[in-house]
Amino acid sequence: MIDKEVLLDLERLSRLGMVEAIWGENKSCEQIAEILRRLEAASQLALVTRLSQEKAEKLLRTFQKAEYHSEASCLTLGPSIVIDESLGEVLVVTAGTSDLNVAAEALVSLRCHGVQADIVMDIGVAGLHRLLKRLDRLRAAKALIVCAGMEGALPTIIAGLVPQPVIGLPVSVGYGVSRGGQAALQGMLASCAPGLLVVNIDNGYGAAMAALRIVKSSLKILS
C-alpha cells in the first residue's frame, strides 16, 4: 500500500515568508479539498495554481469563501491580504496578450503575499515604440517580471534599459521552432543583458517568489 497522506509544510510561511502553493493540475478535487481543509484549520492562506475551471467549480461548492481567478487558473482561500506598501511595486510585463495566463499567475501569487503588483501588457519587440512609451512606468517599479514567448527577447531589452532586477519568464507561445517555450528559455539564458534572472517555462508562481525574495531583501538592506 502507498501512504497517501499529504505532508504539508505549514512552517514555510514563518520560515520563508511564503505560503505553500498547491499544484492543482495533477491532483484530484478530493486531494485538493483535503489540503484546503487543513490549511483553513491552520488559519493559513491557500493558493492553488494550475486549476481548471471544472475543478474550481466543484471546489467552490464546498469552499464558498474561496475565490477563483480564472485568468490565472488559481484559487485562493483564507485570511484577507493586506498589501505592504513598504515593499514597493512589482510590475508584471507581457510581450503579448497570449502571455496573460502565465502573467496573471505571477500577479495573483504576488498579491497573495502582500506585494503591490500590476500588469503592463502588449509591449513586445514586434512594436518597440510601445515599450519606449512605457519606460517611465517600468522605471518606477521595484522589480519587473517580464513574460515572453517566441524568441523571448523582451526581458533582454528591458534589462538593458532599466536598472531594477528583471526576472525573465519564458512562455510556451510560438510557432514551430519555439518548441513550447524552449526557444524563449534558451534565448533568455543566453542573454547579453548582465544580471537578468530567468525562471522555468510558464512558471509564473516561481517568478513571483523570486520577486518576493528581492523586494523583501532590499527592504532589509534599506532598514
Protein backbone atom coordinates (compact mmCIF):
# COMPACT_ATOMS: atom_id res chain seq x y z
CA MET A 1 0.00 0.00 0.00
CA ILE A 2 1.13 3.55 -0.80
CA ASP A 3 0.91 6.06 2.04
CA LYS A 4 -1.27 8.81 0.53
CA GLU A 5 -1.16 11.18 3.49
CA VAL A 6 -0.23 14.70 2.36
CA LEU A 7 2.60 16.24 4.35
CA LEU A 8 2.06 20.00 4.38
CA ASP A 9 4.85 22.45 5.08
CA LEU A 10 2.92 24.66 7.50
CA GLU A 11 6.15 26.27 8.70
CA ARG A 12 7.04 27.64 5.26
CA LEU A 13 5.20 30.89 5.92
CA SER A 14 7.17 31.63 9.10
CA ARG A 15 10.43 30.25 7.66
CA LEU A 16 10.40 31.84 4.21
CA GLY A 17 7.51 34.27 4.28
CA MET A 18 5.77 32.22 1.57
CA VAL A 19 2.55 30.27 1.63
CA GLU A 20 2.70 26.67 0.47
CA ALA A 21 1.33 26.71 -3.06
CA ILE A 22 -0.80 23.74 -4.12
CA TRP A 23 -0.19 22.36 -7.62
CA GLY A 24 -3.74 21.72 -8.83
CA GLU A 25 -3.23 20.29 -12.30
CA ASN A 26 -2.37 16.71 -11.31
CA LYS A 27 -4.34 16.47 -8.07
CA SER A 28 -7.92 15.29 -7.75
CA CYS A 29 -10.60 17.55 -6.29
CA GLU A 30 -10.67 15.32 -3.24
CA GLN A 31 -6.94 15.72 -2.64
CA ILE A 32 -7.12 19.48 -3.07
CA ALA A 33 -10.14 19.73 -0.80
CA GLU A 34 -8.32 17.85 1.97
CA ILE A 35 -5.35 20.22 1.71
CA LEU A 36 -7.65 23.24 1.74
CA ARG A 37 -9.36 21.99 4.91
CA ARG A 38 -6.05 21.57 6.68
CA LEU A 39 -4.76 24.99 5.64
CA GLU A 40 -8.06 26.53 6.66
CA ALA A 41 -7.83 24.82 10.07
CA ALA A 42 -4.32 26.28 10.46
CA SER A 43 -5.64 29.77 9.52
CA GLN A 44 -3.23 29.91 6.59
CA LEU A 45 -3.89 31.32 3.17
CA ALA A 46 -4.25 28.66 0.47
CA LEU A 47 -3.05 29.25 -3.09
CA VAL A 48 -3.91 26.61 -5.67
CA THR A 49 -2.20 27.00 -9.05
CA ARG A 50 -2.92 25.38 -12.42
CA LEU A 51 -6.53 24.68 -11.51
CA SER A 52 -9.04 24.05 -14.29
CA GLN A 53 -12.44 25.74 -14.39
CA GLU A 54 -14.12 22.35 -13.92
CA LYS A 55 -12.19 21.54 -10.74
CA ALA A 56 -12.66 25.09 -9.45
CA GLU A 57 -16.44 24.92 -9.81
CA LYS A 58 -16.54 21.72 -7.76
CA LEU A 59 -14.32 23.16 -5.02
CA LEU A 60 -16.26 26.42 -4.85
CA ARG A 61 -19.40 24.47 -3.95
CA THR A 62 -17.56 23.14 -0.88
CA PHE A 63 -15.50 26.23 -0.03
CA GLN A 64 -17.88 29.12 -0.59
CA LYS A 65 -15.39 31.70 0.69
CA ALA A 66 -12.79 30.65 -1.86
CA GLU A 67 -12.13 32.78 -4.94
CA TYR A 68 -11.26 31.50 -8.40
CA HIS A 69 -9.05 33.75 -10.51
CA SER A 70 -9.93 32.44 -13.95
CA GLU A 71 -7.29 34.37 -15.93
CA ALA A 72 -4.59 32.92 -13.68
CA SER A 73 -6.16 29.45 -13.26
CA CYS A 74 -5.62 29.94 -9.50
CA LEU A 75 -7.85 29.55 -6.46
CA THR A 76 -7.33 31.30 -3.13
CA LEU A 77 -8.89 30.68 0.26
CA GLY A 78 -8.10 32.15 3.65
CA PRO A 79 -7.42 35.34 5.59
CA SER A 80 -7.69 38.70 3.86
CA ILE A 81 -4.45 40.00 2.37
CA VAL A 82 -3.04 43.34 3.45
CA ILE A 83 -0.78 44.99 0.88
CA ASP A 84 2.55 46.05 2.39
CA GLU A 85 3.31 49.29 0.56
CA SER A 86 6.81 49.41 2.05
CA LEU A 87 7.78 46.53 -0.27
CA GLY A 88 7.23 48.71 -3.31
CA GLU A 89 5.54 47.63 -6.53
CA VAL A 90 6.37 44.71 -8.79
CA LEU A 91 5.30 45.05 -12.42
CA VAL A 92 4.43 42.00 -14.50
CA VAL A 93 5.10 42.81 -18.14
CA THR A 94 3.85 40.83 -21.13
CA ALA A 95 5.08 40.82 -24.70
CA GLY A 96 1.57 39.94 -25.89
CA THR A 97 -1.94 39.02 -24.82
CA SER A 98 -1.11 35.32 -25.26
CA ASP A 99 1.14 35.59 -22.19
CA LEU A 100 -1.75 36.67 -19.96
CA ASN A 101 -2.44 33.35 -18.21
CA VAL A 102 1.16 32.98 -17.02
CA ALA A 103 1.41 36.67 -16.15
CA ALA A 104 -1.81 36.51 -14.16
CA GLU A 105 -0.47 33.57 -12.14
CA ALA A 106 2.50 35.72 -11.16
CA LEU A 107 0.22 38.66 -10.35
CA VAL A 108 -2.08 36.62 -8.08
CA SER A 109 0.90 34.98 -6.36
CA LEU A 110 2.45 38.36 -5.56
CA ARG A 111 -0.76 39.82 -4.20
CA CYS A 112 -1.27 36.73 -2.03
CA HIS A 113 1.97 37.70 -0.30
CA GLY A 114 1.02 41.31 0.30
CA VAL A 115 3.04 42.71 -2.60
CA GLN A 116 1.57 45.56 -4.61
CA ALA A 117 1.56 44.33 -8.20
CA ASP A 118 0.23 45.48 -11.53
CA ILE A 119 0.42 44.34 -15.12
CA VAL A 120 1.66 46.11 -18.27
CA MET A 121 0.55 44.31 -21.41
CA ASP A 122 1.43 44.12 -25.09
CA ILE A 123 4.80 45.87 -25.27
CA GLY A 124 6.67 43.16 -27.16
CA VAL A 125 9.62 43.65 -29.51
CA ALA A 126 7.41 43.50 -32.62
CA GLY A 127 6.44 47.09 -31.77
CA LEU A 128 9.26 48.67 -29.77
CA HIS A 129 7.58 52.08 -29.82
CA ARG A 130 5.03 50.67 -27.35
CA LEU A 131 7.80 49.72 -24.92
CA LEU A 132 9.57 53.07 -25.19
CA LYS A 133 6.35 54.88 -24.32
CA ARG A 134 6.06 52.87 -21.08
CA LEU A 135 9.64 53.21 -19.83
CA ASP A 136 8.79 55.74 -17.11
CA ARG A 137 6.19 53.31 -15.75
CA LEU A 138 8.69 50.45 -15.76
CA ARG A 139 11.40 52.52 -14.07
CA ALA A 140 9.03 53.29 -11.18
CA ALA A 141 8.77 49.62 -10.16
CA LYS A 142 10.87 47.88 -7.52
CA ALA A 143 11.29 44.79 -9.69
CA LEU A 144 10.00 43.52 -13.03
CA ILE A 145 8.75 40.14 -14.18
CA VAL A 146 8.90 40.07 -17.98
CA CYS A 147 6.91 37.39 -19.84
CA ALA A 148 7.70 36.49 -23.44
CA GLY A 149 7.25 33.60 -25.84
CA MET A 150 8.51 33.24 -29.41
CA GLU A 151 12.26 34.14 -29.28
CA GLY A 152 11.94 35.59 -25.77
CA ALA A 153 13.79 38.85 -26.50
CA LEU A 154 11.75 41.27 -24.36
CA PRO A 155 13.46 40.62 -20.97
CA THR A 156 16.89 41.25 -22.51
CA ILE A 157 15.79 44.57 -23.98
CA ILE A 158 14.15 45.74 -20.77
CA ALA A 159 17.15 44.64 -18.67
CA GLY A 160 19.30 46.82 -20.91
CA LEU A 161 17.10 49.86 -20.30
CA VAL A 162 16.24 49.83 -16.60
CA PRO A 163 18.43 49.27 -13.50
CA GLN A 164 15.91 47.29 -11.43
CA PRO A 165 16.01 43.49 -11.05
CA VAL A 166 14.43 41.88 -14.13
CA ILE A 167 13.09 38.33 -13.99
CA GLY A 168 12.64 36.68 -17.37
CA LEU A 169 9.61 34.40 -17.59
CA PRO A 170 9.60 32.30 -20.80
CA VAL A 171 6.14 31.41 -22.06
CA SER A 172 5.17 28.39 -24.17
CA VAL A 173 3.82 30.52 -27.02
CA GLY A 174 5.16 30.47 -30.56
CA TYR A 175 5.37 28.66 -33.89
CA GLY A 176 7.45 25.63 -34.84
CA VAL A 177 10.98 26.03 -33.52
CA SER A 178 9.68 27.92 -30.49
CA ARG A 179 9.16 24.36 -29.17
CA GLY A 180 6.76 25.12 -26.36
CA GLY A 181 8.87 27.90 -24.83
CA GLN A 182 12.28 26.25 -25.26
CA ALA A 183 13.49 28.94 -27.68
CA ALA A 184 12.39 31.70 -25.30
CA LEU A 185 14.03 29.96 -22.34
CA GLN A 186 17.34 29.43 -24.12
CA GLY A 187 17.30 32.94 -25.53
CA MET A 188 16.85 34.40 -22.05
CA LEU A 189 19.55 32.17 -20.59
CA ALA A 190 21.91 33.28 -23.35
CA SER A 191 21.04 36.96 -22.82
CA CYS A 192 23.79 39.56 -23.07
CA ALA A 193 22.00 41.77 -20.54
CA PRO A 194 24.02 41.41 -17.31
CA GLY A 195 22.10 40.28 -14.25
CA LEU A 196 18.96 39.05 -15.99
CA LEU A 197 17.33 36.32 -13.86
CA VAL A 198 15.39 33.55 -15.61
CA VAL A 199 12.83 31.04 -14.30
CA ASN A 200 11.37 27.95 -15.90
CA ILE A 201 8.85 27.94 -18.75
CA ASP A 202 5.36 29.17 -17.73
CA ASN A 203 6.43 29.35 -14.07
CA GLY A 204 4.52 32.44 -13.02
CA TYR A 205 4.46 31.37 -9.39
CA GLY A 206 8.24 30.83 -9.33
CA ALA A 207 8.86 34.24 -10.89
CA ALA A 208 6.62 35.84 -8.27
CA MET A 209 8.52 34.16 -5.43
CA ALA A 210 11.83 35.33 -6.89
CA ALA A 211 10.46 38.89 -6.97
CA LEU A 212 9.17 38.48 -3.40
CA ARG A 213 12.66 37.50 -2.18
CA ILE A 214 14.14 40.52 -3.96
CA VAL A 215 11.77 43.13 -2.57
CA LYS A 216 11.92 41.72 0.95
CA SER A 217 15.72 41.57 0.89
CA SER A 218 16.00 45.13 -0.41
CA LEU A 219 13.73 46.32 2.39
CA LYS A 220 16.05 44.72 4.98
CA ILE A 221 19.08 46.33 3.38
CA LEU A 222 17.48 49.76 3.49
CA SER A 223 16.47 49.30 7.13
